Amino acid sequence: MARDEGACLVCGKPIVYYEKAQKMECVMCHGEFESHASCEDGHYICDDCHARRGIEVIMEGCRASGEKNPLAIMRELMENPYIYMHGPEHHVMVGAALLTAYKNCKGYDNCGGQEAFEEALEEMRARGSEYPGGACGLWGCCGAAVSAGIFMSIITKATPLTGNSWRLSNQMTSRALGAVAELGGPRCCKRDSFTAAKEAVIFVKEKLGVEMELDEKLECDFSSENHQCLKKHCPYYK
């Protein structure tokens, strides 16, 4: 099914959200999960099945990219049919694009070499994949902002016991989340991803002195796929 035909990957009907989680069976892997969402006809796809192919696209694209602009990396990735309009694959994509642009600006030698970059990407995949879809509304913390925080944690080697790197990682998430929240809802994974990555570029320049590239003006090409698009109220609306 074309990804602009609707939210449900099975039938295209809108996704509905429930105040309390319900037991559901994934129509793809047939695993049982607790979820707050399904489509109007009851189809449910777990986060892993929803994001698996998209995350592979992200990893392959980032490994091959020489781009220094994380938003440009994301825009190219978003054109792939397995990067859906909304979904948990964005929780990996933001941080992966930032890692790629950061490495391309500093150079392999200053980032530990190709092997270190591969390890960082795999760590981004692992951490980002743990963050559930729908957390922006259900937890009050957008996964795109968290992805930017994970990026900062990885490049500064933060842990729960570190000092300044712990501070920077939490500040990064806070900055990105504040900017995402300021634009208001409903959620848009494209808008939120662009916003989180843009804040990360500014933050990294301020705190680490590494200057990634940014678009002077970013225009979104995905508005027609988002039935809840804010249109003229979105800073990226074309």
Protein backbone atom coordinates (compact mmCIF):
# COMPACT_ATOMS: atom_id res chain seq x y z
CA MET A 1 0.00 0.00 0.00
CA ALA A 2 1.26 3.49 -0.83
CA ARG A 3 2.25 5.21 2.37
CA ASP A 4 0.07 8.27 1.66
CA GLU A 5 -3.11 6.19 1.48
CA GLY A 6 -3.63 6.09 5.22
CA ALA A 7 -2.11 5.46 8.62
CA CYS A 8 -2.70 1.69 8.95
CA LEU A 9 -0.13 -0.29 6.96
CA VAL A 10 -2.67 -3.08 6.47
CA CYS A 11 -5.86 -1.30 5.40
CA GLY A 12 -5.06 2.42 5.34
CA LYS A 13 -7.65 3.41 7.93
CA PRO A 14 -6.85 5.98 10.67
CA ILE A 15 -5.11 5.03 13.90
CA VAL A 16 -7.13 5.35 17.09
CA TYR A 17 -5.64 5.73 20.58
CA TYR A 18 -6.98 4.33 23.86
CA GLU A 19 -6.56 5.79 27.34
CA LYS A 20 -5.68 2.37 28.73
CA ALA A 21 -3.42 -0.19 27.06
CA GLN A 22 -5.11 -3.25 25.61
CA LYS A 23 -3.80 -6.70 24.72
CA MET A 24 -3.30 -6.95 20.97
CA GLU A 25 -1.80 -9.35 18.47
CA CYS A 26 0.60 -8.02 15.85
CA VAL A 27 -0.77 -8.88 12.40
CA MET A 28 2.79 -9.44 11.12
CA CYS A 29 4.71 -11.41 13.78
CA HIS A 30 1.60 -12.58 15.73
CA GLY A 31 3.23 -11.67 19.02
CA GLU A 32 1.04 -10.42 21.86
CA PHE A 33 1.60 -6.93 23.22
CA GLU A 34 0.02 -4.26 25.39
CA SER A 35 -0.73 -1.25 23.22
CA HIS A 36 -2.62 2.03 23.32
CA ALA A 37 -3.26 2.09 19.56
CA SER A 38 -4.68 0.18 16.63
CA CYS A 39 -6.43 1.17 13.43
CA GLU A 40 -10.21 1.63 13.28
CA ASP A 41 -10.57 -1.98 12.12
CA GLY A 42 -8.39 -3.30 14.94
CA HIS A 43 -5.20 -3.99 12.99
CA TYR A 44 -2.12 -3.66 15.20
CA ILE A 45 1.55 -3.74 14.14
CA CYS A 46 4.21 -3.83 16.83
CA ASP A 47 7.02 -1.28 16.86
CA ASP A 48 9.63 -3.83 15.79
CA CYS A 49 7.70 -4.96 12.71
CA HIS A 50 6.74 -1.38 11.83
CA ALA A 51 10.30 -0.05 12.01
CA ARG A 52 12.55 -2.98 11.04
CA ARG A 53 12.87 -2.31 7.30
CA GLY A 54 13.02 1.44 7.81
CA ILE A 55 15.84 1.15 10.33
CA GLU A 56 17.85 -0.94 7.87
CA VAL A 57 17.34 1.83 5.30
CA ILE A 58 18.58 4.37 7.84
CA MET A 59 21.68 2.38 8.70
CA GLU A 60 22.61 1.76 5.06
CA GLY A 61 21.98 5.38 4.08
CA CYS A 62 24.04 6.79 6.94
CA ARG A 63 26.97 4.47 6.29
CA ALA A 64 27.11 5.68 2.67
CA SER A 65 26.51 9.39 3.26
CA GLY A 66 29.19 12.08 3.05
CA GLU A 67 26.64 14.80 3.89
CA LYS A 68 27.39 17.33 6.64
CA ASN A 69 23.79 18.48 7.02
CA PRO A 70 21.70 16.08 9.18
CA LEU A 71 18.42 17.47 7.86
CA ALA A 72 19.54 16.76 4.29
CA ILE A 73 20.42 13.20 5.35
CA MET A 74 16.97 12.77 6.89
CA ARG A 75 15.15 14.23 3.88
CA GLU A 76 16.84 11.73 1.60
CA LEU A 77 16.06 8.85 3.95
CA MET A 78 12.43 9.97 4.25
CA GLU A 79 11.93 9.48 0.53
CA ASN A 80 12.34 5.75 0.97
CA PRO A 81 8.97 3.93 1.03
CA TYR A 82 9.92 2.10 4.25
CA ILE A 83 10.25 5.35 6.17
CA TYR A 84 6.58 5.90 6.87
CA MET A 85 4.94 9.23 7.62
CA HIS A 86 4.91 8.42 11.32
CA GLY A 87 6.60 5.67 13.28
CA PRO A 88 9.32 4.63 15.71
CA GLU A 89 11.94 4.44 12.96
CA HIS A 90 12.29 8.22 13.46
CA HIS A 91 13.61 7.54 16.98
CA VAL A 92 16.69 6.00 15.35
CA MET A 93 16.86 8.26 12.31
CA VAL A 94 17.40 11.61 14.07
CA GLY A 95 20.37 10.40 16.10
CA ALA A 96 21.84 8.39 13.21
CA ALA A 97 21.69 11.39 10.87
CA LEU A 98 23.34 13.56 13.53
CA LEU A 99 26.09 10.99 14.11
CA THR A 100 26.73 10.87 10.37
CA ALA A 101 26.88 14.63 9.88
CA TYR A 102 29.01 15.03 13.01
CA LYS A 103 31.49 12.42 11.79
CA ASN A 104 31.63 13.98 8.31
CA CYS A 105 32.40 17.39 9.81
CA LYS A 106 35.09 16.15 12.20
CA GLY A 107 36.52 13.43 9.97
CA TYR A 108 36.95 9.71 10.67
CA ASP A 109 40.32 10.18 12.35
CA ASN A 110 38.87 12.58 14.91
CA CYS A 111 35.92 10.28 15.59
CA GLY A 112 37.90 7.09 16.16
CA GLY A 113 37.84 5.78 12.60
CA GLN A 114 35.30 3.80 10.57
CA GLU A 115 35.03 1.06 13.17
CA ALA A 116 34.11 3.56 15.91
CA PHE A 117 31.51 5.15 13.63
CA GLU A 118 29.97 1.75 12.90
CA GLU A 119 29.84 1.01 16.62
CA ALA A 120 28.20 4.38 17.30
CA LEU A 121 25.55 3.74 14.61
CA GLU A 122 24.79 0.30 16.05
CA GLU A 123 24.49 1.79 19.52
CA MET A 124 22.11 4.41 18.13
CA ARG A 125 20.04 1.64 16.57
CA ALA A 126 19.92 -0.30 19.83
CA ARG A 127 19.01 2.62 22.08
CA GLY A 128 16.61 4.31 19.67
CA SER A 129 14.78 1.05 18.99
CA GLU A 130 13.92 0.74 22.68
CA TYR A 131 11.91 3.98 22.67
CA PRO A 132 8.24 3.20 21.96
CA GLY A 133 6.02 4.72 19.32
CA GLY A 134 3.40 7.16 20.56
CA ALA A 135 5.48 8.26 23.56
CA CYS A 136 5.21 11.90 22.43
CA GLY A 137 1.59 11.93 23.59
CA LEU A 138 1.41 9.04 26.02
CA TRP A 139 4.58 9.90 27.95
CA GLY A 140 4.91 13.59 27.11
CA CYS A 141 8.38 13.10 25.63
CA CYS A 142 8.86 12.99 21.84
CA GLY A 143 11.16 10.25 20.55
CA ALA A 144 12.83 12.62 18.08
CA ALA A 145 14.02 14.78 20.99
CA VAL A 146 15.16 11.70 22.90
CA SER A 147 17.05 10.56 19.79
CA ALA A 148 18.98 13.84 19.80
CA GLY A 149 19.80 13.23 23.47
CA ILE A 150 20.99 9.70 22.66
CA PHE A 151 23.25 11.15 19.95
CA MET A 152 24.80 13.51 22.50
CA SER A 153 25.19 10.68 25.01
CA ILE A 154 27.03 8.54 22.45
CA ILE A 155 29.47 11.19 21.24
CA THR A 156 30.28 12.36 24.79
CA LYS A 157 30.31 8.81 26.21
CA ALA A 158 27.76 9.68 28.90
CA THR A 159 26.53 7.19 31.49
CA PRO A 160 24.36 7.65 34.58
CA LEU A 161 27.61 8.18 36.55
CA THR A 162 29.36 10.77 34.38
CA GLY A 163 29.43 14.51 35.07
CA ASN A 164 29.49 17.02 32.22
CA SER A 165 28.49 14.48 29.54
CA TRP A 166 25.43 13.54 31.63
CA ARG A 167 24.57 17.24 31.81
CA LEU A 168 25.03 17.78 28.07
CA SER A 169 22.90 14.76 27.13
CA ASN A 170 20.00 15.87 29.29
CA GLN A 171 20.34 19.47 28.15
CA MET A 172 20.24 18.28 24.54
CA THR A 173 17.01 16.36 25.05
CA SER A 174 15.54 19.31 26.94
CA ARG A 175 16.43 21.80 24.20
CA ALA A 176 15.03 19.59 21.45
CA LEU A 177 11.90 18.70 23.40
CA GLY A 178 11.20 22.34 24.22
CA ALA A 179 11.43 23.31 20.56
CA VAL A 180 9.20 20.40 19.51
CA ALA A 181 6.62 21.23 22.17
CA GLU A 182 6.58 24.91 21.24
CA LEU A 183 5.22 24.07 17.78
CA GLY A 184 2.24 22.25 19.31
CA GLY A 185 0.32 19.14 18.30
CA PRO A 186 -0.89 16.91 16.83
CA ARG A 187 2.39 15.07 16.38
CA CYS A 188 4.22 14.99 13.08
CA CYS A 189 7.27 12.74 12.99
CA LYS A 190 8.76 14.73 10.11
CA ARG A 191 8.30 18.14 11.77
CA ASP A 192 9.52 16.87 15.12
CA SER A 193 12.56 15.16 13.58
CA PHE A 194 13.58 18.28 11.64
CA THR A 195 13.15 20.41 14.76
CA ALA A 196 15.11 18.10 17.07
CA ALA A 197 17.99 17.78 14.60
CA LYS A 198 18.11 21.54 14.01
CA GLU A 199 18.36 22.17 17.75
CA ALA A 200 21.12 19.58 17.99
CA VAL A 201 23.18 21.32 15.30
CA ILE A 202 22.94 24.61 17.21
CA PHE A 203 23.68 22.92 20.56
CA VAL A 204 26.73 21.03 19.27
CA LYS A 205 28.22 24.23 17.87
CA GLU A 206 27.66 26.02 21.18
CA LYS A 207 28.94 23.29 23.48
CA LEU A 208 31.43 21.29 21.43
CA GLY A 209 32.58 23.74 18.77
CA VAL A 210 31.72 21.44 15.87
CA GLU A 211 29.73 23.18 13.13
CA MET A 212 27.44 20.95 11.10
CA GLU A 213 25.54 22.41 8.16
CA LEU A 214 21.92 23.58 8.13
CA ASP A 215 19.44 24.67 5.49
CA GLU A 216 18.75 28.41 5.39
CA LYS A 217 15.10 27.50 4.85
CA LEU A 218 13.73 23.98 5.06
CA GLU A 219 10.56 23.08 3.17
CA CYS A 220 8.77 19.80 3.85
CA ASP A 221 7.69 17.57 0.96
CA PHE A 222 5.53 15.26 3.08
CA SER A 223 2.53 17.41 3.97
CA SER A 224 0.17 15.49 1.70
CA GLU A 225 0.94 12.28 3.61
CA ASN A 226 0.00 13.74 7.00
CA HIS A 227 -3.73 14.08 7.55
CA GLN A 228 -3.06 16.11 10.71
CA CYS A 229 -0.57 18.51 9.09
CA LEU A 230 -0.53 21.95 10.73
CA LYS A 231 -0.02 23.47 7.26
CA LYS A 232 0.66 27.21 7.51
CA HIS A 233 1.25 26.85 11.26
CA CYS A 234 4.23 24.57 10.62
CA PRO A 235 7.54 26.34 9.94
CA TYR A 236 8.42 23.79 7.26
CA TYR A 237 5.15 23.88 5.31
CA LYS A 238 5.69 24.52 1.61
